């Protein structure tokens, strides 16, 4: 589990920080210049950023999973889903956010951005499927718009099955 590894390394850094404080005390005792241990601080900050990154991924993936299992009949309006995704996009993809400036080159961050963009595309399609004008369009035509997330296809199959009942 990623969180356990982050916690493990965070604990290790804490032990190193304790050792660093002891060394600083000895340096002061002997009148030596105090060692800064900059790399230790950098590692701790990177671990915090890594946890922030995994928190974002877990939140977004959890939200998407909830949407994927939502039955077609329960989707009254995609507007709420689109607005919720827009809020997440604003938090995740804002380049002025100090944390995002530091992690925006990470593969996990770029992957999360791509997942959000894909879901935005899917939600736009689902929104169109809820309109009255789409009912005359053939099932085969709609299958042509299947995305890599397969949500549109799954929803169409569910809708087709429900219409037969």
N, C-alpha and C. Protein backbone atom coordinates (compact mmCIF):
# COMPACT_ATOMS: atom_id res chain seq x y z
N UNK A 1 0.84 -1.19 0.00
CA UNK A 1 0.00 0.00 0.00
C UNK A 1 0.88 1.25 0.00
N UNK A 2 0.56 2.18 -0.84
CA UNK A 2 1.35 3.41 -0.98
C UNK A 2 1.37 4.22 0.31
N UNK A 3 0.24 4.27 0.99
CA UNK A 3 0.17 5.06 2.21
C UNK A 3 1.08 4.48 3.30
N UNK A 4 1.14 3.15 3.38
CA UNK A 4 2.02 2.54 4.38
C UNK A 4 3.48 2.84 4.09
N UNK A 5 3.85 2.81 2.83
CA UNK A 5 5.23 3.14 2.46
C UNK A 5 5.56 4.59 2.80
N UNK A 6 4.63 5.48 2.49
CA UNK A 6 4.85 6.89 2.81
C UNK A 6 5.01 7.06 4.32
N UNK A 7 4.15 6.41 5.07
CA UNK A 7 4.22 6.49 6.53
C UNK A 7 5.53 5.91 7.05
N UNK A 8 5.97 4.79 6.47
CA UNK A 8 7.22 4.17 6.87
C UNK A 8 8.39 5.12 6.67
N UNK A 9 8.46 5.73 5.50
CA UNK A 9 9.56 6.65 5.22
C UNK A 9 9.44 7.94 6.03
N UNK A 10 8.23 8.35 6.30
CA UNK A 10 8.04 9.54 7.14
C UNK A 10 8.57 9.26 8.55
N UNK A 11 8.29 8.06 9.08
CA UNK A 11 8.82 7.67 10.39
C UNK A 11 10.34 7.61 10.38
N UNK A 12 10.90 7.07 9.31
CA UNK A 12 12.37 7.00 9.20
C UNK A 12 12.98 8.40 9.19
N UNK A 13 12.37 9.29 8.46
CA UNK A 13 12.88 10.66 8.42
C UNK A 13 12.77 11.29 9.81
N UNK A 14 11.69 10.98 10.53
CA UNK A 14 11.55 11.47 11.90
C UNK A 14 12.70 11.01 12.78
N UNK A 15 13.12 9.77 12.62
CA UNK A 15 14.26 9.25 13.40
C UNK A 15 15.55 9.97 13.01
N UNK A 16 15.71 10.20 11.71
CA UNK A 16 16.88 10.94 11.26
C UNK A 16 16.87 12.37 11.82
N UNK A 17 15.69 12.97 11.89
CA UNK A 17 15.58 14.32 12.46
C UNK A 17 15.96 14.32 13.94
N UNK A 18 15.55 13.28 14.67
CA UNK A 18 15.95 13.16 16.07
C UNK A 18 17.46 13.07 16.19
N UNK A 19 18.08 12.25 15.34
CA UNK A 19 19.54 12.13 15.33
C UNK A 19 20.19 13.47 14.97
N UNK A 20 19.58 14.19 14.03
CA UNK A 20 20.13 15.48 13.62
C UNK A 20 20.08 16.48 14.78
N UNK A 21 18.99 16.47 15.55
CA UNK A 21 18.90 17.37 16.70
C UNK A 21 19.97 17.04 17.74
N UNK A 22 20.21 15.75 17.94
CA UNK A 22 21.25 15.34 18.89
C UNK A 22 22.62 15.80 18.41
N UNK A 23 22.85 15.65 17.10
CA UNK A 23 24.12 16.13 16.54
C UNK A 23 24.25 17.64 16.69
N UNK A 24 23.17 18.37 16.45
CA UNK A 24 23.19 19.83 16.61
C UNK A 24 23.52 20.22 18.04
N UNK A 25 22.98 19.46 19.01
CA UNK A 25 23.27 19.74 20.42
C UNK A 25 24.75 19.53 20.71
N UNK A 26 25.32 18.47 20.16
CA UNK A 26 26.75 18.20 20.35
C UNK A 26 27.60 19.26 19.66
N UNK A 27 27.17 19.70 18.50
CA UNK A 27 27.89 20.76 17.79
C UNK A 27 27.91 22.04 18.63
N UNK A 28 26.78 22.36 19.22
CA UNK A 28 26.69 23.56 20.07
C UNK A 28 27.58 23.41 21.30
N UNK A 29 27.62 22.21 21.87
CA UNK A 29 28.42 21.95 23.05
C UNK A 29 29.90 22.21 22.79
N UNK A 30 30.34 21.84 21.59
CA UNK A 30 31.75 22.01 21.25
C UNK A 30 32.02 23.30 20.46
N UNK A 31 31.00 24.13 20.31
CA UNK A 31 31.17 25.41 19.63
C UNK A 31 31.39 25.28 18.13
N UNK A 32 30.87 24.23 17.55
CA UNK A 32 31.00 24.01 16.10
C UNK A 32 29.84 24.65 15.37
N UNK A 33 30.06 24.89 14.09
CA UNK A 33 28.98 25.44 13.26
C UNK A 33 27.86 24.41 13.15
N UNK A 34 26.65 24.87 13.28
CA UNK A 34 25.48 24.01 13.27
C UNK A 34 25.21 23.49 11.85
N UNK A 35 25.02 22.19 11.70
CA UNK A 35 24.70 21.57 10.42
C UNK A 35 23.21 21.77 10.14
N UNK A 36 22.88 22.12 8.89
CA UNK A 36 21.50 22.47 8.54
C UNK A 36 20.64 21.26 8.18
N UNK A 37 21.21 20.21 7.62
CA UNK A 37 20.48 19.02 7.19
C UNK A 37 19.38 19.38 6.18
N UNK A 38 19.75 20.16 5.15
CA UNK A 38 18.79 20.60 4.14
C UNK A 38 18.13 19.44 3.41
N UNK A 39 18.92 18.44 3.05
CA UNK A 39 18.36 17.29 2.30
C UNK A 39 17.28 16.58 3.10
N UNK A 40 17.45 16.49 4.40
CA UNK A 40 16.45 15.86 5.25
C UNK A 40 15.13 16.61 5.18
N UNK A 41 15.20 17.93 5.19
CA UNK A 41 13.99 18.76 5.07
C UNK A 41 13.35 18.59 3.68
N UNK A 42 14.21 18.53 2.65
CA UNK A 42 13.69 18.34 1.28
C UNK A 42 12.97 17.00 1.16
N UNK A 43 13.56 15.94 1.72
CA UNK A 43 12.93 14.62 1.64
C UNK A 43 11.59 14.61 2.36
N UNK A 44 11.53 15.26 3.49
CA UNK A 44 10.28 15.31 4.25
C UNK A 44 9.20 16.06 3.46
N UNK A 45 9.59 17.17 2.84
CA UNK A 45 8.63 17.94 2.03
C UNK A 45 8.16 17.13 0.82
N UNK A 46 9.07 16.38 0.19
CA UNK A 46 8.69 15.56 -0.95
C UNK A 46 7.71 14.46 -0.53
N UNK A 47 7.92 13.89 0.64
CA UNK A 47 6.98 12.88 1.13
C UNK A 47 5.61 13.49 1.38
N UNK A 48 5.57 14.71 1.89
CA UNK A 48 4.29 15.39 2.09
C UNK A 48 3.59 15.61 0.76
N UNK A 49 4.37 16.02 -0.25
CA UNK A 49 3.80 16.21 -1.59
C UNK A 49 3.31 14.88 -2.18
N UNK A 50 4.07 13.83 -1.93
CA UNK A 50 3.66 12.52 -2.42
C UNK A 50 2.34 12.08 -1.79
N UNK A 51 2.19 12.31 -0.50
CA UNK A 51 0.93 11.97 0.17
C UNK A 51 -0.21 12.82 -0.39
N UNK A 52 0.05 14.11 -0.59
CA UNK A 52 -0.95 15.00 -1.19
C UNK A 52 -1.39 14.46 -2.56
N UNK A 53 -0.40 14.01 -3.35
CA UNK A 53 -0.68 13.47 -4.68
C UNK A 53 -1.56 12.23 -4.57
N UNK A 54 -1.21 11.29 -3.69
CA UNK A 54 -2.00 10.07 -3.54
C UNK A 54 -3.38 10.37 -2.98
N UNK A 55 -3.49 11.37 -2.12
CA UNK A 55 -4.81 11.76 -1.61
C UNK A 55 -5.70 12.24 -2.75
N UNK A 56 -5.13 13.05 -3.65
CA UNK A 56 -5.90 13.53 -4.80
C UNK A 56 -6.33 12.37 -5.69
N UNK A 57 -5.40 11.46 -5.96
CA UNK A 57 -5.71 10.31 -6.82
C UNK A 57 -6.82 9.47 -6.19
N UNK A 58 -6.69 9.19 -4.90
CA UNK A 58 -7.69 8.36 -4.21
C UNK A 58 -9.06 9.03 -4.22
N UNK A 59 -9.09 10.32 -3.99
CA UNK A 59 -10.37 11.05 -3.99
C UNK A 59 -11.03 10.99 -5.37
N UNK A 60 -10.26 11.31 -6.40
CA UNK A 60 -10.81 11.34 -7.76
C UNK A 60 -11.24 9.94 -8.20
N UNK A 61 -10.41 8.94 -7.97
CA UNK A 61 -10.76 7.58 -8.37
C UNK A 61 -12.00 7.08 -7.61
N UNK A 62 -12.10 7.44 -6.33
CA UNK A 62 -13.29 7.06 -5.55
C UNK A 62 -14.55 7.70 -6.10
N UNK A 63 -14.45 8.97 -6.46
CA UNK A 63 -15.58 9.69 -7.03
C UNK A 63 -15.99 9.04 -8.36
N UNK A 64 -15.00 8.74 -9.21
CA UNK A 64 -15.30 8.11 -10.50
C UNK A 64 -15.90 6.73 -10.31
N UNK A 65 -15.41 5.97 -9.34
CA UNK A 65 -15.95 4.64 -9.10
C UNK A 65 -17.42 4.71 -8.69
N UNK A 66 -17.75 5.68 -7.84
CA UNK A 66 -19.15 5.87 -7.45
C UNK A 66 -20.02 6.16 -8.67
N UNK A 67 -19.51 6.97 -9.57
CA UNK A 67 -20.28 7.32 -10.76
C UNK A 67 -20.43 6.11 -11.69
N UNK A 68 -19.39 5.29 -11.80
CA UNK A 68 -19.43 4.15 -12.72
C UNK A 68 -20.50 3.13 -12.33
N UNK A 69 -20.75 2.96 -11.06
CA UNK A 69 -21.72 1.96 -10.63
C UNK A 69 -23.12 2.53 -10.46
N UNK A 70 -23.27 3.82 -10.72
CA UNK A 70 -24.59 4.45 -10.59
C UNK A 70 -25.50 3.98 -11.72
N UNK A 71 -26.65 3.40 -11.39
CA UNK A 71 -27.58 2.95 -12.43
C UNK A 71 -28.06 4.12 -13.30
N UNK A 72 -28.31 3.81 -14.56
CA UNK A 72 -28.73 4.83 -15.54
C UNK A 72 -29.96 5.60 -15.06
N UNK A 73 -30.91 4.87 -14.47
CA UNK A 73 -32.16 5.51 -14.03
C UNK A 73 -31.93 6.53 -12.92
N UNK A 74 -30.86 6.35 -12.15
CA UNK A 74 -30.61 7.26 -11.04
C UNK A 74 -29.89 8.54 -11.47
N UNK A 75 -29.40 8.57 -12.70
CA UNK A 75 -28.74 9.78 -13.19
C UNK A 75 -29.83 10.71 -13.69
N UNK A 76 -30.28 11.59 -12.83
CA UNK A 76 -31.35 12.54 -13.17
C UNK A 76 -30.79 13.68 -14.02
N UNK A 77 -29.64 14.16 -13.61
CA UNK A 77 -29.01 15.26 -14.32
C UNK A 77 -27.50 15.11 -14.16
N UNK A 78 -26.81 15.24 -15.26
CA UNK A 78 -25.36 15.16 -15.19
C UNK A 78 -24.76 16.50 -14.78
N UNK A 79 -25.58 17.51 -14.67
CA UNK A 79 -25.08 18.84 -14.32
C UNK A 79 -24.34 18.84 -12.99
N UNK A 80 -24.88 18.13 -11.98
CA UNK A 80 -24.20 18.06 -10.69
C UNK A 80 -22.85 17.36 -10.82
N UNK A 81 -22.81 16.29 -11.60
CA UNK A 81 -21.57 15.56 -11.79
C UNK A 81 -20.55 16.43 -12.53
N UNK A 82 -21.01 17.14 -13.53
CA UNK A 82 -20.12 18.03 -14.29
C UNK A 82 -19.58 19.14 -13.39
N UNK A 83 -20.45 19.71 -12.55
CA UNK A 83 -20.00 20.76 -11.63
C UNK A 83 -19.01 20.23 -10.60
N UNK A 84 -19.26 19.01 -10.11
CA UNK A 84 -18.34 18.41 -9.15
C UNK A 84 -16.98 18.16 -9.79
N UNK A 85 -16.99 17.68 -11.04
CA UNK A 85 -15.74 17.46 -11.76
C UNK A 85 -15.02 18.78 -12.03
N UNK A 86 -15.79 19.82 -12.33
CA UNK A 86 -15.20 21.14 -12.57
C UNK A 86 -14.48 21.64 -11.31
N UNK A 87 -15.08 21.43 -10.15
CA UNK A 87 -14.46 21.82 -8.88
C UNK A 87 -13.16 21.06 -8.66
N UNK A 88 -13.19 19.76 -8.94
CA UNK A 88 -11.98 18.94 -8.78
C UNK A 88 -10.91 19.41 -9.76
N UNK A 89 -11.32 19.68 -11.01
CA UNK A 89 -10.36 20.17 -12.01
C UNK A 89 -9.69 21.45 -11.55
N UNK A 90 -10.48 22.34 -10.97
CA UNK A 90 -9.93 23.62 -10.50
C UNK A 90 -8.90 23.40 -9.40
N UNK A 91 -9.13 22.42 -8.54
CA UNK A 91 -8.19 22.16 -7.46
C UNK A 91 -6.95 21.41 -7.95
N UNK A 92 -7.16 20.44 -8.84
CA UNK A 92 -6.05 19.59 -9.28
C UNK A 92 -5.21 20.27 -10.35
N UNK A 93 -5.86 20.94 -11.28
CA UNK A 93 -5.15 21.43 -12.46
C UNK A 93 -4.75 22.90 -12.38
N UNK A 94 -4.85 23.50 -11.22
CA UNK A 94 -4.50 24.91 -11.09
C UNK A 94 -2.98 25.04 -10.99
N UNK A 95 -2.35 25.60 -12.02
CA UNK A 95 -0.89 25.70 -12.01
C UNK A 95 -0.35 26.69 -10.97
N UNK A 96 -1.19 27.59 -10.47
CA UNK A 96 -0.72 28.56 -9.49
C UNK A 96 -0.67 27.98 -8.08
N UNK A 97 -1.30 26.83 -7.86
CA UNK A 97 -1.23 26.16 -6.58
C UNK A 97 0.23 25.75 -6.37
N UNK A 98 0.81 26.16 -5.25
CA UNK A 98 2.24 25.91 -4.99
C UNK A 98 2.57 24.42 -5.05
N UNK A 99 1.70 23.60 -4.49
CA UNK A 99 1.94 22.15 -4.51
C UNK A 99 1.91 21.62 -5.93
N UNK A 100 0.96 22.10 -6.73
CA UNK A 100 0.84 21.63 -8.10
C UNK A 100 2.04 22.03 -8.94
N UNK A 101 2.63 23.18 -8.65
CA UNK A 101 3.82 23.61 -9.38
C UNK A 101 4.97 22.62 -9.16
N UNK A 102 5.02 22.04 -7.97
CA UNK A 102 6.11 21.12 -7.65
C UNK A 102 5.87 19.71 -8.19
N UNK A 103 4.63 19.31 -8.31
CA UNK A 103 4.34 17.92 -8.70
C UNK A 103 3.82 17.76 -10.13
N UNK A 104 3.64 18.87 -10.85
CA UNK A 104 2.99 18.76 -12.16
C UNK A 104 3.83 18.03 -13.21
N UNK A 105 5.07 17.74 -12.91
CA UNK A 105 5.90 16.96 -13.84
C UNK A 105 5.89 15.47 -13.50
N UNK A 106 5.33 15.12 -12.37
CA UNK A 106 5.28 13.71 -11.96
C UNK A 106 4.31 12.95 -12.85
N UNK A 107 4.65 11.73 -13.17
CA UNK A 107 3.79 10.89 -14.00
C UNK A 107 2.41 10.67 -13.40
N UNK A 108 2.36 10.50 -12.09
CA UNK A 108 1.07 10.28 -11.42
C UNK A 108 0.17 11.50 -11.57
N UNK A 109 0.75 12.68 -11.49
CA UNK A 109 -0.03 13.92 -11.64
C UNK A 109 -0.57 14.03 -13.06
N UNK A 110 0.31 13.77 -14.04
CA UNK A 110 -0.13 13.85 -15.43
C UNK A 110 -1.19 12.80 -15.73
N UNK A 111 -1.05 11.62 -15.12
CA UNK A 111 -2.06 10.58 -15.29
C UNK A 111 -3.40 11.00 -14.71
N UNK A 112 -3.36 11.65 -13.56
CA UNK A 112 -4.59 12.13 -12.93
C UNK A 112 -5.25 13.20 -13.80
N UNK A 113 -4.46 14.10 -14.33
CA UNK A 113 -5.00 15.12 -15.25
C UNK A 113 -5.71 14.46 -16.43
N UNK A 114 -5.07 13.43 -16.99
CA UNK A 114 -5.64 12.75 -18.15
C UNK A 114 -6.95 12.05 -17.78
N UNK A 115 -7.00 11.40 -16.62
CA UNK A 115 -8.23 10.74 -16.16
C UNK A 115 -9.37 11.75 -16.00
N UNK A 116 -9.05 12.92 -15.48
CA UNK A 116 -10.07 13.95 -15.29
C UNK A 116 -10.57 14.45 -16.65
N UNK A 117 -9.67 14.64 -17.59
CA UNK A 117 -10.07 15.07 -18.94
C UNK A 117 -10.95 14.01 -19.61
N UNK A 118 -10.59 12.74 -19.43
CA UNK A 118 -11.38 11.66 -20.02
C UNK A 118 -12.78 11.63 -19.41
N UNK A 119 -12.86 11.78 -18.09
CA UNK A 119 -14.17 11.75 -17.44
C UNK A 119 -15.01 12.95 -17.87
N UNK A 120 -14.37 14.07 -18.10
CA UNK A 120 -15.09 15.25 -18.57
C UNK A 120 -15.73 14.94 -19.93
N UNK A 121 -14.99 14.27 -20.80
CA UNK A 121 -15.51 13.88 -22.11
C UNK A 121 -16.68 12.91 -21.94
N UNK A 122 -16.53 11.94 -21.06
CA UNK A 122 -17.59 10.96 -20.82
C UNK A 122 -18.85 11.64 -20.30
N UNK A 123 -18.69 12.55 -19.34
CA UNK A 123 -19.86 13.22 -18.78
C UNK A 123 -20.58 14.06 -19.82
N UNK A 124 -19.83 14.65 -20.74
CA UNK A 124 -20.48 15.42 -21.81
C UNK A 124 -21.33 14.48 -22.67
N UNK A 125 -20.82 13.28 -22.94
CA UNK A 125 -21.58 12.30 -23.73
C UNK A 125 -22.81 11.81 -22.97
N UNK A 126 -22.64 11.53 -21.69
CA UNK A 126 -23.77 11.08 -20.87
C UNK A 126 -24.84 12.17 -20.83
N UNK A 127 -24.42 13.41 -20.73
CA UNK A 127 -25.36 14.52 -20.72
C UNK A 127 -26.17 14.55 -22.02
N UNK A 128 -25.49 14.31 -23.13
CA UNK A 128 -26.18 14.27 -24.42
C UNK A 128 -27.16 13.10 -24.49
N UNK A 129 -26.79 11.97 -23.90
CA UNK A 129 -27.66 10.80 -23.93
C UNK A 129 -28.94 11.02 -23.14
N UNK A 130 -28.92 11.93 -22.21
CA UNK A 130 -30.12 12.21 -21.42
C UNK A 130 -31.10 13.15 -22.12
N UNK A 131 -30.68 13.74 -23.23
CA UNK A 131 -31.58 14.68 -23.91
C UNK A 131 -32.62 13.91 -24.73
N UNK A 132 -33.77 14.54 -24.92
CA UNK A 132 -34.87 13.90 -25.66
C UNK A 132 -34.52 13.67 -27.13
N UNK A 133 -33.70 14.54 -27.69
CA UNK A 133 -33.39 14.43 -29.12
C UNK A 133 -32.52 13.21 -29.44
N UNK A 134 -31.85 12.65 -28.46
CA UNK A 134 -30.96 11.52 -28.73
C UNK A 134 -31.72 10.20 -28.88
N UNK A 135 -32.95 10.14 -28.43
CA UNK A 135 -33.69 8.88 -28.44
C UNK A 135 -33.87 8.31 -29.85
N UNK A 136 -33.85 9.15 -30.87
CA UNK A 136 -34.03 8.68 -32.24
C UNK A 136 -32.73 8.15 -32.86
N UNK A 137 -31.62 8.37 -32.21
CA UNK A 137 -30.33 7.94 -32.76
C UNK A 137 -30.15 6.45 -32.51
N UNK A 138 -29.56 5.77 -33.46
CA UNK A 138 -29.41 4.31 -33.34
C UNK A 138 -28.36 3.93 -32.31
N UNK A 139 -28.54 2.74 -31.78
CA UNK A 139 -27.62 2.19 -30.79
C UNK A 139 -26.22 2.03 -31.39
N UNK A 140 -26.13 1.58 -32.66
CA UNK A 140 -24.84 1.39 -33.32
C UNK A 140 -24.09 2.70 -33.44
N UNK A 141 -24.81 3.75 -33.75
CA UNK A 141 -24.18 5.06 -33.86
C UNK A 141 -23.61 5.49 -32.50
N UNK A 142 -24.36 5.23 -31.45
CA UNK A 142 -23.88 5.61 -30.12
C UNK A 142 -22.66 4.80 -29.71
N UNK A 143 -22.60 3.53 -30.10
CA UNK A 143 -21.45 2.69 -29.78
C UNK A 143 -20.17 3.26 -30.40
N UNK A 144 -20.31 3.96 -31.51
CA UNK A 144 -19.15 4.54 -32.18
C UNK A 144 -18.48 5.61 -31.33
N UNK A 145 -19.19 6.14 -30.35
CA UNK A 145 -18.65 7.19 -29.49
C UNK A 145 -18.12 6.66 -28.17
N UNK A 146 -17.89 5.35 -28.10
CA UNK A 146 -17.39 4.73 -26.87
C UNK A 146 -16.00 5.31 -26.55
N UNK A 147 -15.77 5.59 -25.28
CA UNK A 147 -14.49 6.16 -24.86
C UNK A 147 -13.63 5.08 -24.24
N UNK A 148 -12.39 5.44 -23.90
CA UNK A 148 -11.49 4.48 -23.28
C UNK A 148 -11.97 4.09 -21.88
N UNK A 149 -12.83 4.88 -21.30
CA UNK A 149 -13.33 4.55 -19.96
C UNK A 149 -14.51 3.59 -20.02
N UNK A 150 -15.08 3.39 -21.21
CA UNK A 150 -16.17 2.46 -21.44
C UNK A 150 -17.44 2.79 -20.67
N UNK A 151 -17.51 3.96 -20.07
CA UNK A 151 -18.69 4.32 -19.29
C UNK A 151 -19.89 4.52 -20.21
N UNK A 152 -19.69 5.22 -21.30
CA UNK A 152 -20.79 5.50 -22.21
C UNK A 152 -21.36 4.18 -22.74
N UNK A 153 -20.49 3.27 -23.12
CA UNK A 153 -20.93 1.98 -23.65
C UNK A 153 -21.72 1.23 -22.59
N UNK A 154 -21.22 1.18 -21.37
CA UNK A 154 -21.90 0.46 -20.30
C UNK A 154 -23.27 1.05 -20.04
N UNK A 155 -23.34 2.39 -20.04
CA UNK A 155 -24.61 3.05 -19.79
C UNK A 155 -25.60 2.78 -20.92
N UNK A 156 -25.09 2.74 -22.14
CA UNK A 156 -25.96 2.45 -23.28
C UNK A 156 -26.50 1.03 -23.21
N UNK A 157 -25.63 0.08 -22.87
CA UNK A 157 -26.09 -1.30 -22.75
C UNK A 157 -27.13 -1.44 -21.65
N UNK A 158 -26.91 -0.75 -20.55
CA UNK A 158 -27.86 -0.79 -19.44
C UNK A 158 -29.21 -0.17 -19.87
N UNK A 159 -29.13 0.94 -20.59
CA UNK A 159 -30.35 1.59 -21.04
C UNK A 159 -31.11 0.71 -22.03
N UNK A 160 -30.37 0.08 -22.95
CA UNK A 160 -31.00 -0.79 -23.94
C UNK A 160 -31.68 -1.97 -23.26
N UNK A 161 -31.01 -2.57 -22.26
CA UNK A 161 -31.57 -3.70 -21.52
C UNK A 161 -32.85 -3.28 -20.78
N UNK A 162 -32.81 -2.11 -20.16
CA UNK A 162 -33.98 -1.61 -19.43
C UNK A 162 -35.15 -1.29 -20.35
N UNK A 163 -34.86 -0.81 -21.55
CA UNK A 163 -35.93 -0.50 -22.51
C UNK A 163 -36.64 -1.75 -23.01
N UNK A 164 -35.94 -2.89 -23.05
CA UNK A 164 -36.53 -4.14 -23.51
C UNK A 164 -37.50 -4.69 -22.49
N UNK A 165 -37.33 -4.34 -21.21
CA UNK A 165 -38.19 -4.87 -20.15
C UNK A 165 -39.54 -4.29 -20.19
